[in-house]
Amino acid sequence: MIRSADIREWRDHDVVDPKQHKIGLLEAVYVDTATDEPAMATVRTGLPSRRRLVFVPLDDAVLGPDYVKVPYARGQVRKAPSIGTDDVLPAEREEEIFRHYGMTYQAGARGERRLARG
């Protein structure tokens, strides 16, 4: 498991897929509000004039010497739900991200958000 303190130090490092193909740069970490553990990261992708942030789960991610390797193919991550580089993730879009990766989504007991930017 990657600890919150560890992954935050990797901001602006490459995020790669299992075949070491570069997906983009690590922008931010989102923690699971129930456990306060890293759950998702946003990855900066696209051309300089069309940058966006795509979401990728951090389960089974591996920290390398200068990269974060995620267990998802580059194509799948790049097709994931995204936000603009200056935008905030709306609570109603959280479930869409989980579905994209075949993960079960469950909001908090009182309907609170599942993800919070760390």
N, C-alpha and C. Protein backbone atom coordinates (compact mmCIF):
# COMPACT_ATOMS: atom_id res chain seq x y z
N MET A 1 0.84 -1.17 0.00
CA MET A 1 0.00 0.00 0.00
C MET A 1 0.88 1.24 0.00
N ILE A 2 0.51 2.21 -0.78
CA ILE A 2 1.23 3.48 -0.84
C ILE A 2 0.66 4.40 0.22
N ARG A 3 1.53 4.99 1.02
CA ARG A 3 1.07 5.92 2.05
C ARG A 3 0.89 7.30 1.46
N SER A 4 -0.01 8.08 2.06
CA SER A 4 -0.30 9.43 1.57
C SER A 4 0.96 10.27 1.45
N ALA A 5 1.80 10.25 2.45
CA ALA A 5 3.00 11.08 2.43
C ALA A 5 3.92 10.69 1.28
N ASP A 6 4.01 9.40 0.98
CA ASP A 6 4.88 8.93 -0.09
C ASP A 6 4.42 9.43 -1.46
N ILE A 7 3.16 9.24 -1.77
CA ILE A 7 2.66 9.53 -3.10
C ILE A 7 2.63 11.03 -3.37
N ARG A 8 2.40 11.85 -2.37
CA ARG A 8 2.37 13.31 -2.60
C ARG A 8 3.73 13.83 -3.06
N GLU A 9 4.79 13.16 -2.67
CA GLU A 9 6.12 13.57 -3.09
C GLU A 9 6.36 13.29 -4.57
N TRP A 10 5.50 12.57 -5.23
CA TRP A 10 5.68 12.18 -6.61
C TRP A 10 4.95 13.09 -7.59
N ARG A 11 4.41 14.19 -7.10
CA ARG A 11 3.72 15.13 -7.98
C ARG A 11 4.68 15.55 -9.11
N ASP A 12 4.17 15.62 -10.31
CA ASP A 12 4.90 15.98 -11.53
C ASP A 12 5.83 14.88 -12.03
N HIS A 13 5.78 13.68 -11.44
CA HIS A 13 6.54 12.55 -11.96
C HIS A 13 5.68 11.82 -12.99
N ASP A 14 6.33 11.05 -13.85
CA ASP A 14 5.61 10.29 -14.86
C ASP A 14 4.71 9.24 -14.23
N VAL A 15 3.55 9.05 -14.84
CA VAL A 15 2.66 7.93 -14.51
C VAL A 15 2.72 7.03 -15.74
N VAL A 16 3.02 5.75 -15.51
CA VAL A 16 3.17 4.80 -16.61
C VAL A 16 2.24 3.62 -16.42
N ASP A 17 1.99 2.92 -17.53
CA ASP A 17 1.13 1.73 -17.47
C ASP A 17 2.01 0.49 -17.27
N PRO A 18 1.43 -0.70 -17.21
CA PRO A 18 2.23 -1.91 -16.96
C PRO A 18 3.34 -2.16 -17.97
N LYS A 19 3.21 -1.63 -19.19
CA LYS A 19 4.24 -1.80 -20.21
C LYS A 19 5.22 -0.62 -20.25
N GLN A 20 5.16 0.20 -19.22
CA GLN A 20 6.04 1.37 -19.08
C GLN A 20 5.72 2.48 -20.09
N HIS A 21 4.54 2.47 -20.72
CA HIS A 21 4.13 3.55 -21.61
C HIS A 21 3.69 4.73 -20.75
N LYS A 22 4.21 5.89 -21.06
CA LYS A 22 3.87 7.09 -20.29
C LYS A 22 2.42 7.49 -20.55
N ILE A 23 1.69 7.71 -19.45
CA ILE A 23 0.30 8.16 -19.53
C ILE A 23 0.26 9.67 -19.40
N GLY A 24 1.04 10.21 -18.48
CA GLY A 24 1.06 11.65 -18.22
C GLY A 24 1.83 11.92 -16.95
N LEU A 25 1.57 13.08 -16.34
CA LEU A 25 2.26 13.47 -15.11
C LEU A 25 1.29 13.46 -13.94
N LEU A 26 1.75 12.98 -12.80
CA LEU A 26 0.91 12.95 -11.60
C LEU A 26 0.63 14.38 -11.17
N GLU A 27 -0.63 14.72 -11.05
CA GLU A 27 -1.04 16.08 -10.68
C GLU A 27 -1.44 16.15 -9.21
N ALA A 28 -2.37 15.27 -8.79
CA ALA A 28 -2.89 15.33 -7.42
C ALA A 28 -3.32 13.95 -6.97
N VAL A 29 -3.45 13.81 -5.66
CA VAL A 29 -3.89 12.56 -5.06
C VAL A 29 -5.23 12.82 -4.36
N TYR A 30 -6.15 11.89 -4.56
CA TYR A 30 -7.45 11.94 -3.89
C TYR A 30 -7.49 10.78 -2.90
N VAL A 31 -7.90 11.08 -1.68
CA VAL A 31 -7.98 10.05 -0.65
C VAL A 31 -9.41 9.57 -0.49
N ASP A 32 -9.54 8.33 -0.04
CA ASP A 32 -10.85 7.76 0.29
C ASP A 32 -11.27 8.39 1.60
N THR A 33 -12.42 9.04 1.63
CA THR A 33 -12.86 9.76 2.83
C THR A 33 -13.14 8.83 4.00
N ALA A 34 -13.38 7.55 3.74
CA ALA A 34 -13.65 6.60 4.82
C ALA A 34 -12.37 6.13 5.49
N THR A 35 -11.27 6.04 4.72
CA THR A 35 -10.03 5.49 5.27
C THR A 35 -8.89 6.49 5.35
N ASP A 36 -9.03 7.61 4.67
CA ASP A 36 -8.00 8.64 4.56
C ASP A 36 -6.73 8.10 3.88
N GLU A 37 -6.87 7.05 3.08
CA GLU A 37 -5.76 6.47 2.33
C GLU A 37 -5.86 6.90 0.87
N PRO A 38 -4.73 7.00 0.17
CA PRO A 38 -4.77 7.35 -1.25
C PRO A 38 -5.63 6.37 -2.04
N ALA A 39 -6.54 6.91 -2.85
CA ALA A 39 -7.44 6.06 -3.62
C ALA A 39 -7.32 6.31 -5.12
N MET A 40 -7.20 7.55 -5.51
CA MET A 40 -7.13 7.92 -6.92
C MET A 40 -6.09 9.01 -7.09
N ALA A 41 -5.62 9.12 -8.32
CA ALA A 41 -4.73 10.22 -8.68
C ALA A 41 -5.28 10.86 -9.93
N THR A 42 -4.98 12.13 -10.10
CA THR A 42 -5.25 12.76 -11.39
C THR A 42 -3.94 12.81 -12.14
N VAL A 43 -4.05 12.55 -13.44
CA VAL A 43 -2.89 12.52 -14.32
C VAL A 43 -3.09 13.58 -15.39
N ARG A 44 -2.13 14.46 -15.53
CA ARG A 44 -2.19 15.53 -16.53
C ARG A 44 -1.82 14.95 -17.88
N THR A 45 -2.75 15.04 -18.84
CA THR A 45 -2.54 14.51 -20.18
C THR A 45 -2.90 15.56 -21.22
N GLY A 46 -2.58 15.27 -22.45
CA GLY A 46 -2.98 16.13 -23.56
C GLY A 46 -1.89 17.10 -23.99
N LEU A 47 -2.17 17.77 -25.07
CA LEU A 47 -1.27 18.78 -25.60
C LEU A 47 -1.29 20.02 -24.71
N PRO A 48 -0.23 20.83 -24.73
CA PRO A 48 -0.20 22.01 -23.86
C PRO A 48 -1.44 22.90 -23.96
N SER A 49 -2.02 23.01 -25.13
CA SER A 49 -3.20 23.86 -25.29
C SER A 49 -4.50 23.15 -24.94
N ARG A 50 -4.43 21.85 -24.68
CA ARG A 50 -5.64 21.06 -24.39
C ARG A 50 -5.43 20.11 -23.22
N ARG A 51 -4.78 20.56 -22.20
CA ARG A 51 -4.50 19.72 -21.03
C ARG A 51 -5.80 19.41 -20.29
N ARG A 52 -5.81 18.22 -19.71
CA ARG A 52 -6.93 17.80 -18.85
C ARG A 52 -6.38 16.86 -17.81
N LEU A 53 -7.18 16.61 -16.79
CA LEU A 53 -6.80 15.70 -15.72
C LEU A 53 -7.70 14.48 -15.78
N VAL A 54 -7.10 13.30 -15.94
CA VAL A 54 -7.87 12.06 -15.93
C VAL A 54 -7.61 11.35 -14.60
N PHE A 55 -8.58 10.57 -14.18
CA PHE A 55 -8.49 9.87 -12.90
C PHE A 55 -8.04 8.44 -13.10
N VAL A 56 -7.19 7.97 -12.17
CA VAL A 56 -6.74 6.58 -12.19
C VAL A 56 -6.64 6.08 -10.75
N PRO A 57 -7.15 4.87 -10.48
CA PRO A 57 -7.04 4.30 -9.13
C PRO A 57 -5.58 4.03 -8.76
N LEU A 58 -5.28 4.14 -7.50
CA LEU A 58 -3.92 3.89 -7.01
C LEU A 58 -3.77 2.51 -6.37
N ASP A 59 -4.85 1.70 -6.37
CA ASP A 59 -4.72 0.33 -5.87
C ASP A 59 -3.65 -0.38 -6.70
N ASP A 60 -2.76 -1.05 -6.04
CA ASP A 60 -1.70 -1.82 -6.69
C ASP A 60 -0.72 -0.97 -7.50
N ALA A 61 -0.69 0.35 -7.27
CA ALA A 61 0.30 1.20 -7.93
C ALA A 61 1.67 0.92 -7.30
N VAL A 62 2.71 1.10 -8.10
CA VAL A 62 4.08 0.85 -7.66
C VAL A 62 4.90 2.12 -7.89
N LEU A 63 5.65 2.52 -6.87
CA LEU A 63 6.53 3.66 -7.03
C LEU A 63 7.88 3.18 -7.53
N GLY A 64 8.33 3.72 -8.67
CA GLY A 64 9.64 3.39 -9.22
C GLY A 64 10.61 4.52 -8.92
N PRO A 65 11.80 4.45 -9.48
CA PRO A 65 12.80 5.48 -9.19
C PRO A 65 12.37 6.88 -9.62
N ASP A 66 11.62 6.99 -10.71
CA ASP A 66 11.17 8.32 -11.14
C ASP A 66 9.79 8.24 -11.81
N TYR A 67 9.00 7.28 -11.38
CA TYR A 67 7.67 7.11 -11.97
C TYR A 67 6.73 6.43 -10.98
N VAL A 68 5.44 6.51 -11.29
CA VAL A 68 4.40 5.77 -10.59
C VAL A 68 3.78 4.85 -11.64
N LYS A 69 3.84 3.54 -11.39
CA LYS A 69 3.27 2.59 -12.34
C LYS A 69 1.91 2.14 -11.83
N VAL A 70 0.89 2.30 -12.68
CA VAL A 70 -0.46 1.88 -12.34
C VAL A 70 -0.80 0.62 -13.14
N PRO A 71 -1.69 -0.22 -12.64
CA PRO A 71 -2.00 -1.47 -13.32
C PRO A 71 -3.06 -1.37 -14.42
N TYR A 72 -3.16 -0.20 -15.04
CA TYR A 72 -4.16 0.02 -16.09
C TYR A 72 -3.45 0.47 -17.36
N ALA A 73 -3.93 0.01 -18.51
CA ALA A 73 -3.34 0.38 -19.80
C ALA A 73 -3.53 1.87 -20.07
N ARG A 74 -2.57 2.43 -20.77
CA ARG A 74 -2.60 3.86 -21.11
C ARG A 74 -3.91 4.25 -21.78
N GLY A 75 -4.38 3.44 -22.72
CA GLY A 75 -5.62 3.75 -23.43
C GLY A 75 -6.82 3.83 -22.50
N GLN A 76 -6.90 2.91 -21.55
CA GLN A 76 -8.01 2.91 -20.60
C GLN A 76 -7.97 4.16 -19.73
N VAL A 77 -6.79 4.53 -19.26
CA VAL A 77 -6.67 5.71 -18.39
C VAL A 77 -7.01 6.97 -19.18
N ARG A 78 -6.52 7.08 -20.38
CA ARG A 78 -6.78 8.30 -21.16
C ARG A 78 -8.25 8.47 -21.53
N LYS A 79 -9.02 7.37 -21.50
CA LYS A 79 -10.46 7.43 -21.78
C LYS A 79 -11.28 7.62 -20.50
N ALA A 80 -10.62 7.70 -19.38
CA ALA A 80 -11.31 7.83 -18.09
C ALA A 80 -11.97 9.20 -17.97
N PRO A 81 -12.95 9.31 -17.08
CA PRO A 81 -13.55 10.61 -16.84
C PRO A 81 -12.47 11.63 -16.46
N SER A 82 -12.66 12.86 -16.92
CA SER A 82 -11.65 13.88 -16.70
C SER A 82 -12.28 15.19 -16.26
N ILE A 83 -11.42 16.08 -15.80
CA ILE A 83 -11.81 17.45 -15.46
C ILE A 83 -10.77 18.37 -16.08
N GLY A 84 -11.10 19.64 -16.19
CA GLY A 84 -10.14 20.63 -16.66
C GLY A 84 -9.05 20.84 -15.62
N THR A 85 -7.93 21.37 -16.03
CA THR A 85 -6.79 21.52 -15.12
C THR A 85 -7.08 22.47 -13.95
N ASP A 86 -8.07 23.32 -14.08
CA ASP A 86 -8.42 24.24 -12.99
C ASP A 86 -9.76 23.90 -12.35
N ASP A 87 -10.32 22.76 -12.72
CA ASP A 87 -11.64 22.38 -12.23
C ASP A 87 -11.56 21.52 -10.97
N VAL A 88 -12.72 21.38 -10.33
CA VAL A 88 -12.86 20.54 -9.14
C VAL A 88 -13.80 19.40 -9.50
N LEU A 89 -13.53 18.22 -8.98
CA LEU A 89 -14.38 17.06 -9.25
C LEU A 89 -15.73 17.22 -8.57
N PRO A 90 -16.82 17.30 -9.34
CA PRO A 90 -18.15 17.36 -8.73
C PRO A 90 -18.49 16.02 -8.08
N ALA A 91 -19.13 16.04 -6.94
CA ALA A 91 -19.48 14.82 -6.21
C ALA A 91 -20.29 13.86 -7.07
N GLU A 92 -21.17 14.38 -7.91
CA GLU A 92 -22.03 13.52 -8.71
C GLU A 92 -21.28 12.77 -9.82
N ARG A 93 -20.02 13.11 -10.07
CA ARG A 93 -19.23 12.41 -11.10
C ARG A 93 -18.35 11.32 -10.52
N GLU A 94 -18.28 11.21 -9.21
CA GLU A 94 -17.43 10.20 -8.60
C GLU A 94 -17.78 8.78 -9.04
N GLU A 95 -19.05 8.46 -9.05
CA GLU A 95 -19.48 7.10 -9.41
C GLU A 95 -19.05 6.75 -10.84
N GLU A 96 -19.08 7.71 -11.74
CA GLU A 96 -18.67 7.51 -13.13
C GLU A 96 -17.21 7.04 -13.22
N ILE A 97 -16.36 7.59 -12.39
CA ILE A 97 -14.94 7.21 -12.37
C ILE A 97 -14.79 5.76 -11.93
N PHE A 98 -15.46 5.41 -10.85
CA PHE A 98 -15.38 4.04 -10.34
C PHE A 98 -15.89 3.04 -11.38
N ARG A 99 -17.01 3.37 -12.01
CA ARG A 99 -17.59 2.48 -13.04
C ARG A 99 -16.62 2.27 -14.20
N HIS A 100 -15.93 3.32 -14.60
CA HIS A 100 -14.98 3.23 -15.72
C HIS A 100 -13.94 2.14 -15.48
N TYR A 101 -13.54 1.97 -14.23
CA TYR A 101 -12.53 0.96 -13.89
C TYR A 101 -13.13 -0.33 -13.35
N GLY A 102 -14.45 -0.49 -13.45
CA GLY A 102 -15.10 -1.71 -12.99
C GLY A 102 -15.09 -1.87 -11.48
N MET A 103 -15.05 -0.75 -10.78
CA MET A 103 -15.00 -0.77 -9.31
C MET A 103 -16.37 -0.43 -8.74
N THR A 104 -16.65 -0.96 -7.57
CA THR A 104 -17.90 -0.67 -6.88
C THR A 104 -17.81 0.70 -6.21
N TYR A 105 -18.85 1.48 -6.39
CA TYR A 105 -18.89 2.81 -5.78
C TYR A 105 -19.89 2.80 -4.64
N GLN A 106 -19.49 3.37 -3.53
CA GLN A 106 -20.40 3.51 -2.40
C GLN A 106 -20.10 4.84 -1.72
N ALA A 107 -21.09 5.71 -1.74
CA ALA A 107 -20.94 7.00 -1.06
C ALA A 107 -20.93 6.75 0.45
N GLY A 108 -20.58 7.77 1.21
CA GLY A 108 -20.58 7.65 2.67
C GLY A 108 -21.96 7.35 3.21
N ALA A 109 -22.04 6.97 4.47
CA ALA A 109 -23.30 6.59 5.12
C ALA A 109 -24.36 7.67 5.00
N ARG A 110 -23.93 8.92 5.01
CA ARG A 110 -24.90 10.04 4.91
C ARG A 110 -24.85 10.68 3.53
N GLY A 111 -24.34 9.93 2.55
CA GLY A 111 -24.30 10.43 1.18
C GLY A 111 -23.10 11.34 0.89
N GLU A 112 -22.15 11.40 1.84
CA GLU A 112 -21.01 12.27 1.61
C GLU A 112 -20.09 11.72 0.53
N ARG A 113 -19.23 12.57 0.05
CA ARG A 113 -18.28 12.22 -1.01
C ARG A 113 -17.43 11.02 -0.61
N ARG A 114 -16.98 10.31 -1.62
CA ARG A 114 -16.07 9.19 -1.40
C ARG A 114 -14.62 9.63 -1.58
N LEU A 115 -14.39 10.66 -2.42
CA LEU A 115 -13.04 11.12 -2.71
C LEU A 115 -12.84 12.57 -2.28
N ALA A 116 -11.68 12.83 -1.72
CA ALA A 116 -11.31 14.19 -1.34
C ALA A 116 -9.88 14.43 -1.79
N ARG A 117 -9.67 15.59 -2.36
CA ARG A 117 -8.31 15.91 -2.82
C ARG A 117 -7.40 16.04 -1.60
N GLY A 118 -6.29 15.30 -1.63
CA GLY A 118 -5.39 15.29 -0.49
C GLY A 118 -4.31 16.33 -0.57
